[in-house]
């Protein structure tokens, strides 16, 4: 390495930042994962990567400082290793109800009660039950359910959305995130050194 640097007035930046993935993660309160290119999580061409970022800007700053690549890693339940396939990330994951399926909808954190009731079609639903024999009981149960859903909307932070299946509360999630899980698959954005041997 010294011979490579002889005669250079300004040595390349990479020689100043020769920290291991483990050192970078430890110094920044992040986590190290093991990644593979093997199908089905099979160990092949193993490399370590750094995850645990609060936001994309934090990952960008470390990537620039240490000349690392920002990539998306995936893993299924039961796998020990995270899969990598050179899927570069350029922003945090944007989350929405469409990630969940056809019967799901989302609600913004600052939604008014009137907008909420219109979005779920509460008046039409209640009107449809008005002439049924057990209509009042069903309306009462419906009101309890949508009250629970609206309460979750009220307490959600500005950067969160509330997910519901039909009119039933499912969960509150960040609109943008560096990692998430859906069904049996996990997704995370992290840093990896694609320049290492």
C-alpha atoms as a PDB file:
ATOM      1  CA  UNK A   1       0.000   0.000   0.000  1.00  0.00           C
ATOM      2  CA  UNK A   2       2.839   2.416   0.807  1.00  0.00           C
ATOM      3  CA  UNK A   3       4.396   1.773  -2.597  1.00  0.00           C
ATOM      4  CA  UNK A   4       1.069   2.611  -4.217  1.00  0.00           C
ATOM      5  CA  UNK A   5       1.039   5.885  -2.298  1.00  0.00           C
ATOM      6  CA  UNK A   6       4.662   6.891  -3.094  1.00  0.00           C
ATOM      7  CA  UNK A   7       4.818   9.892  -5.355  1.00  0.00           C
ATOM      8  CA  UNK A   8       1.217  10.900  -4.710  1.00  0.00           C
ATOM      9  CA  UNK A   9       0.811  14.387  -3.319  1.00  0.00           C
ATOM     10  CA  UNK A  10      -2.726  13.645  -2.150  1.00  0.00           C
ATOM     11  CA  UNK A  11      -3.280   9.967  -1.392  1.00  0.00           C
ATOM     12  CA  UNK A  12      -6.682   8.554  -2.375  1.00  0.00           C
ATOM     13  CA  UNK A  13      -9.374   9.064   0.265  1.00  0.00           C
ATOM     14  CA  UNK A  14      -9.950   5.323   0.648  1.00  0.00           C
ATOM     15  CA  UNK A  15      -6.580   4.915   2.381  1.00  0.00           C
ATOM     16  CA  UNK A  16      -7.696   7.219   5.184  1.00  0.00           C
ATOM     17  CA  UNK A  17     -10.950   5.385   5.881  1.00  0.00           C
ATOM     18  CA  UNK A  18      -9.826   1.800   6.118  1.00  0.00           C
ATOM     19  CA  UNK A  19     -12.199   0.781   8.887  1.00  0.00           C
ATOM     20  CA  UNK A  20     -13.947  -2.540   8.881  1.00  0.00           C
ATOM     21  CA  UNK A  21     -17.716  -2.859   8.523  1.00  0.00           C
ATOM     22  CA  UNK A  22     -17.814  -3.947  12.183  1.00  0.00           C
ATOM     23  CA  UNK A  23     -15.895  -0.836  13.330  1.00  0.00           C
ATOM     24  CA  UNK A  24     -18.091   1.547  11.320  1.00  0.00           C
ATOM     25  CA  UNK A  25     -21.264  -0.072  12.677  1.00  0.00           C
ATOM     26  CA  UNK A  26     -20.026  -0.098  16.270  1.00  0.00           C
ATOM     27  CA  UNK A  27     -18.907   3.549  16.206  1.00  0.00           C
ATOM     28  CA  UNK A  28     -22.314   4.642  14.858  1.00  0.00           C
ATOM     29  CA  UNK A  29     -24.627   2.465  16.980  1.00  0.00           C
ATOM     30  CA  UNK A  30     -25.665   0.339  13.987  1.00  0.00           C
ATOM     31  CA  UNK A  31     -25.937  -3.413  13.334  1.00  0.00           C
ATOM     32  CA  UNK A  32     -24.002  -5.817  11.122  1.00  0.00           C
ATOM     33  CA  UNK A  33     -25.719  -8.507   9.071  1.00  0.00           C
ATOM     34  CA  UNK A  34     -24.321 -11.308   6.948  1.00  0.00           C
ATOM     35  CA  UNK A  35     -25.400 -11.313   3.307  1.00  0.00           C
ATOM     36  CA  UNK A  36     -25.309 -13.887   0.526  1.00  0.00           C
ATOM     37  CA  UNK A  37     -25.864 -14.047  -3.203  1.00  0.00           C
ATOM     38  CA  UNK A  38     -27.133 -17.631  -2.852  1.00  0.00           C
ATOM     39  CA  UNK A  39     -30.708 -18.492  -3.679  1.00  0.00           C
ATOM     40  CA  UNK A  40     -33.025 -19.266  -0.760  1.00  0.00           C
ATOM     41  CA  UNK A  41     -30.558 -17.822   1.748  1.00  0.00           C
ATOM     42  CA  UNK A  42     -27.895 -20.407   0.898  1.00  0.00           C
ATOM     43  CA  UNK A  43     -24.367 -19.233   1.913  1.00  0.00           C
ATOM     44  CA  UNK A  44     -22.514 -18.042  -1.181  1.00  0.00           C
ATOM     45  CA  UNK A  45     -20.049 -15.144  -1.553  1.00  0.00           C
ATOM     46  CA  UNK A  46     -20.700 -13.954   1.995  1.00  0.00           C
ATOM     47  CA  UNK A  47     -20.278 -10.276   2.853  1.00  0.00           C
ATOM     48  CA  UNK A  48     -21.152  -8.164   5.845  1.00  0.00           C
ATOM     49  CA  UNK A  49     -23.426  -5.154   5.611  1.00  0.00           C
ATOM     50  CA  UNK A  50     -24.528  -2.393   7.992  1.00  0.00           C
ATOM     51  CA  UNK A  51     -28.196  -1.783   8.882  1.00  0.00           C
ATOM     52  CA  UNK A  52     -30.171   0.047  11.558  1.00  0.00           C
ATOM     53  CA  UNK A  53     -30.316   3.550  10.080  1.00  0.00           C
ATOM     54  CA  UNK A  54     -32.925   5.998  11.356  1.00  0.00           C
ATOM     55  CA  UNK A  55     -33.248   7.633   7.933  1.00  0.00           C
ATOM     56  CA  UNK A  56     -31.791   7.625   4.435  1.00  0.00           C
ATOM     57  CA  UNK A  57     -29.665  10.729   5.036  1.00  0.00           C
ATOM     58  CA  UNK A  58     -27.754   8.940   7.803  1.00  0.00           C
ATOM     59  CA  UNK A  59     -26.993   6.066   5.412  1.00  0.00           C
ATOM     60  CA  UNK A  60     -25.954   8.476   2.637  1.00  0.00           C
ATOM     61  CA  UNK A  61     -23.547  10.310   4.933  1.00  0.00           C
ATOM     62  CA  UNK A  62     -21.791   7.118   6.041  1.00  0.00           C
ATOM     63  CA  UNK A  63     -21.768   5.742   2.499  1.00  0.00           C
ATOM     64  CA  UNK A  64     -20.021   8.884   1.287  1.00  0.00           C
ATOM     65  CA  UNK A  65     -17.570   8.993   4.186  1.00  0.00           C
ATOM     66  CA  UNK A  66     -16.501   5.346   3.832  1.00  0.00           C
ATOM     67  CA  UNK A  67     -17.105   4.813   0.083  1.00  0.00           C
ATOM     68  CA  UNK A  68     -19.798   2.194   0.612  1.00  0.00           C
ATOM     69  CA  UNK A  69     -22.801   1.304  -1.545  1.00  0.00           C
ATOM     70  CA  UNK A  70     -26.411   1.710  -0.399  1.00  0.00           C
ATOM     71  CA  UNK A  71     -28.411  -1.424  -1.207  1.00  0.00           C
ATOM     72  CA  UNK A  72     -31.633  -3.237  -0.402  1.00  0.00           C
ATOM     73  CA  UNK A  73     -31.342  -6.599   1.345  1.00  0.00           C
ATOM     74  CA  UNK A  74     -34.131  -9.143   1.755  1.00  0.00           C
ATOM     75  CA  UNK A  75     -34.684 -12.116   3.998  1.00  0.00           C
ATOM     76  CA  UNK A  76     -37.481 -14.631   4.550  1.00  0.00           C
ATOM     77  CA  UNK A  77     -38.585 -15.969   7.908  1.00  0.00           C
ATOM     78  CA  UNK A  78     -36.300 -18.820   8.925  1.00  0.00           C
ATOM     79  CA  UNK A  79     -33.285 -17.645   6.898  1.00  0.00           C
ATOM     80  CA  UNK A  80     -30.059 -16.900   8.749  1.00  0.00           C
ATOM     81  CA  UNK A  81     -28.591 -14.761   5.956  1.00  0.00           C
ATOM     82  CA  UNK A  82     -29.865 -11.697   4.102  1.00  0.00           C
ATOM     83  CA  UNK A  83     -29.984 -11.893   0.301  1.00  0.00           C
ATOM     84  CA  UNK A  84     -28.212  -9.272  -1.798  1.00  0.00           C
ATOM     85  CA  UNK A  85     -28.458  -8.815  -5.544  1.00  0.00           C
ATOM     86  CA  UNK A  86     -26.951  -5.363  -6.247  1.00  0.00           C
ATOM     87  CA  UNK A  87     -30.354  -3.713  -5.805  1.00  0.00           C
ATOM     88  CA  UNK A  88     -29.249  -0.129  -5.113  1.00  0.00           C
ATOM     89  CA  UNK A  89     -31.412   2.150  -2.983  1.00  0.00           C
ATOM     90  CA  UNK A  90     -31.837   5.852  -3.766  1.00  0.00           C
ATOM     91  CA  UNK A  91     -34.337   6.725  -1.055  1.00  0.00           C
ATOM     92  CA  UNK A  92     -36.087   5.183   1.945  1.00  0.00           C
ATOM     93  CA  UNK A  93     -38.974   2.776   1.356  1.00  0.00           C
ATOM     94  CA  UNK A  94     -42.277   4.555   0.672  1.00  0.00           C
ATOM     95  CA  UNK A  95     -45.022   2.659   2.482  1.00  0.00           C
ATOM     96  CA  UNK A  96     -48.729   2.600   1.662  1.00  0.00           C
ATOM     97  CA  UNK A  97     -51.838   0.455   1.961  1.00  0.00           C
ATOM     98  CA  UNK A  98     -51.070  -1.007  -1.473  1.00  0.00           C
ATOM     99  CA  UNK A  99     -48.200  -2.948   0.188  1.00  0.00           C
ATOM    100  CA  UNK A 100     -50.852  -4.944   2.059  1.00  0.00           C
ATOM    101  CA  UNK A 101     -53.308  -5.868  -0.662  1.00  0.00           C
ATOM    102  CA  UNK A 102     -56.585  -4.994  -2.312  1.00  0.00           C
ATOM    103  CA  UNK A 103     -58.890  -4.597   0.717  1.00  0.00           C
ATOM    104  CA  UNK A 104     -56.609  -2.242   2.648  1.00  0.00           C
ATOM    105  CA  UNK A 105     -56.764   1.511   2.909  1.00  0.00           C
ATOM    106  CA  UNK A 106     -54.656   4.182   4.555  1.00  0.00           C
ATOM    107  CA  UNK A 107     -55.401   7.296   6.547  1.00  0.00           C
ATOM    108  CA  UNK A 108     -53.192  10.346   7.032  1.00  0.00           C
ATOM    109  CA  UNK A 109     -52.375  11.383  10.584  1.00  0.00           C
ATOM    110  CA  UNK A 110     -53.983  14.831  10.345  1.00  0.00           C
ATOM    111  CA  UNK A 111     -57.263  13.680   8.768  1.00  0.00           C
ATOM    112  CA  UNK A 112     -60.416  15.451   9.955  1.00  0.00           C
ATOM    113  CA  UNK A 113     -63.318  13.436  11.349  1.00  0.00           C
ATOM    114  CA  UNK A 114     -65.514  14.531   8.432  1.00  0.00           C
ATOM    115  CA  UNK A 115     -62.936  13.413   5.826  1.00  0.00           C
ATOM    116  CA  UNK A 116     -62.516  10.125   7.682  1.00  0.00           C
ATOM    117  CA  UNK A 117     -66.235   9.382   7.741  1.00  0.00           C
ATOM    118  CA  UNK A 118     -66.548  10.238   4.057  1.00  0.00           C
ATOM    119  CA  UNK A 119     -63.569   8.046   3.086  1.00  0.00           C
ATOM    120  CA  UNK A 120     -64.991   4.985   4.800  1.00  0.00           C
ATOM    121  CA  UNK A 121     -68.529   5.661   3.583  1.00  0.00           C
ATOM    122  CA  UNK A 122     -69.998   5.576   7.094  1.00  0.00           C
ATOM    123  CA  UNK A 123     -73.299   7.264   6.193  1.00  0.00           C
ATOM    124  CA  UNK A 124     -74.024   4.816   3.364  1.00  0.00           C
ATOM    125  CA  UNK A 125     -73.124   1.827   5.536  1.00  0.00           C
ATOM    126  CA  UNK A 126     -75.342   2.980   8.407  1.00  0.00           C
ATOM    127  CA  UNK A 127     -78.200   3.804   6.025  1.00  0.00           C
ATOM    128  CA  UNK A 128     -77.901   0.288   4.555  1.00  0.00           C
ATOM    129  CA  UNK A 129     -78.388  -1.250   8.016  1.00  0.00           C
ATOM    130  CA  UNK A 130     -81.282   0.964   9.072  1.00  0.00           C
ATOM    131  CA  UNK A 131     -84.009  -1.401   7.826  1.00  0.00           C
ATOM    132  CA  UNK A 132     -82.462  -4.655   9.044  1.00  0.00           C
ATOM    133  CA  UNK A 133     -83.874  -6.414  12.086  1.00  0.00           C
ATOM    134  CA  UNK A 134     -80.574  -6.336  13.995  1.00  0.00           C
ATOM    135  CA  UNK A 135     -79.537  -3.057  12.355  1.00  0.00           C
ATOM    136  CA  UNK A 136     -79.165  -1.055  15.549  1.00  0.00           C
ATOM    137  CA  UNK A 137     -76.877  -3.654  17.140  1.00  0.00           C
ATOM    138  CA  UNK A 138     -74.785  -3.855  13.983  1.00  0.00           C
ATOM    139  CA  UNK A 139     -74.586  -0.048  13.765  1.00  0.00           C
ATOM    140  CA  UNK A 140     -73.429   0.079  17.391  1.00  0.00           C
ATOM    141  CA  UNK A 141     -70.672  -2.486  16.703  1.00  0.00           C
ATOM    142  CA  UNK A 142     -69.696  -0.616  13.544  1.00  0.00           C
ATOM    143  CA  UNK A 143     -69.446   2.704  15.411  1.00  0.00           C
ATOM    144  CA  UNK A 144     -67.203   1.087  18.071  1.00  0.00           C
ATOM    145  CA  UNK A 145     -64.900  -0.237  15.352  1.00  0.00           C
ATOM    146  CA  UNK A 146     -64.586   3.000  13.433  1.00  0.00           C
ATOM    147  CA  UNK A 147     -64.110   4.907  16.713  1.00  0.00           C
ATOM    148  CA  UNK A 148     -61.088   2.694  17.459  1.00  0.00           C
ATOM    149  CA  UNK A 149     -59.763   3.331  13.945  1.00  0.00           C
ATOM    150  CA  UNK A 150     -60.245   7.093  14.194  1.00  0.00           C
ATOM    151  CA  UNK A 151     -58.582   7.182  17.645  1.00  0.00           C
ATOM    152  CA  UNK A 152     -55.480   5.618  16.053  1.00  0.00           C
ATOM    153  CA  UNK A 153     -55.519   8.295  13.330  1.00  0.00           C
ATOM    154  CA  UNK A 154     -55.699  11.055  15.947  1.00  0.00           C
ATOM    155  CA  UNK A 155     -52.635   9.791  17.863  1.00  0.00           C
ATOM    156  CA  UNK A 156     -50.517   9.027  14.773  1.00  0.00           C
ATOM    157  CA  UNK A 157     -47.431  11.205  14.250  1.00  0.00           C
ATOM    158  CA  UNK A 158     -47.126  13.466  11.205  1.00  0.00           C
ATOM    159  CA  UNK A 159     -44.754  11.024   9.463  1.00  0.00           C
ATOM    160  CA  UNK A 160     -47.065   8.038  10.009  1.00  0.00           C
ATOM    161  CA  UNK A 161     -50.069   6.542   8.239  1.00  0.00           C
ATOM    162  CA  UNK A 162     -52.749   4.296   9.680  1.00  0.00           C
ATOM    163  CA  UNK A 163     -53.514   1.069   7.807  1.00  0.00           C
ATOM    164  CA  UNK A 164     -56.937  -0.568   7.956  1.00  0.00           C
ATOM    165  CA  UNK A 165     -58.416  -3.671   6.392  1.00  0.00           C
ATOM    166  CA  UNK A 166     -61.778  -2.394   5.293  1.00  0.00           C
ATOM    167  CA  UNK A 167     -62.691  -0.304   8.316  1.00  0.00           C
ATOM    168  CA  UNK A 168     -60.744  -2.377  10.864  1.00  0.00           C
ATOM    169  CA  UNK A 169     -57.489  -1.006  12.297  1.00  0.00           C
ATOM    170  CA  UNK A 170     -54.400  -3.052  11.374  1.00  0.00           C
ATOM    171  CA  UNK A 171     -51.367  -0.959  12.322  1.00  0.00           C
ATOM    172  CA  UNK A 172     -49.698   2.438  12.247  1.00  0.00           C
ATOM    173  CA  UNK A 173     -46.541   2.675  10.136  1.00  0.00           C
ATOM    174  CA  UNK A 174     -43.982   5.272   9.072  1.00  0.00           C
ATOM    175  CA  UNK A 175     -44.627   6.657   5.586  1.00  0.00           C
ATOM    176  CA  UNK A 176     -40.918   6.282   4.894  1.00  0.00           C
ATOM    177  CA  UNK A 177     -38.768   3.692   6.575  1.00  0.00           C
ATOM    178  CA  UNK A 178     -35.409   2.014   6.245  1.00  0.00           C
ATOM    179  CA  UNK A 179     -36.820  -1.435   6.977  1.00  0.00           C
ATOM    180  CA  UNK A 180     -40.114  -3.268   7.068  1.00  0.00           C
ATOM    181  CA  UNK A 181     -41.648  -6.713   6.993  1.00  0.00           C
ATOM    182  CA  UNK A 182     -44.606  -8.001   5.066  1.00  0.00           C
ATOM    183  CA  UNK A 183     -45.978 -11.513   5.288  1.00  0.00           C
ATOM    184  CA  UNK A 184     -42.865 -13.692   5.689  1.00  0.00           C
ATOM    185  CA  UNK A 185     -40.382 -11.372   3.939  1.00  0.00           C
ATOM    186  CA  UNK A 186     -38.192  -8.669   5.456  1.00  0.00           C
ATOM    187  CA  UNK A 187     -36.705  -5.689   3.615  1.00  0.00           C
ATOM    188  CA  UNK A 188     -33.895  -3.436   4.807  1.00  0.00           C
ATOM    189  CA  UNK A 189     -31.693  -0.703   3.350  1.00  0.00           C
ATOM    190  CA  UNK A 190     -28.063  -0.849   4.378  1.00  0.00           C
ATOM    191  CA  UNK A 191     -24.456  -0.266   3.421  1.00  0.00           C
ATOM    192  CA  UNK A 192     -22.053  -2.741   1.858  1.00  0.00           C
ATOM    193  CA  UNK A 193     -18.497  -2.522   0.548  1.00  0.00           C
ATOM    194  CA  UNK A 194     -18.605  -3.741  -3.055  1.00  0.00           C
ATOM    195  CA  UNK A 195     -14.955  -2.726  -3.515  1.00  0.00           C
ATOM    196  CA  UNK A 196     -13.563  -5.345  -1.138  1.00  0.00           C
ATOM    197  CA  UNK A 197     -11.902  -8.470  -2.527  1.00  0.00           C
END
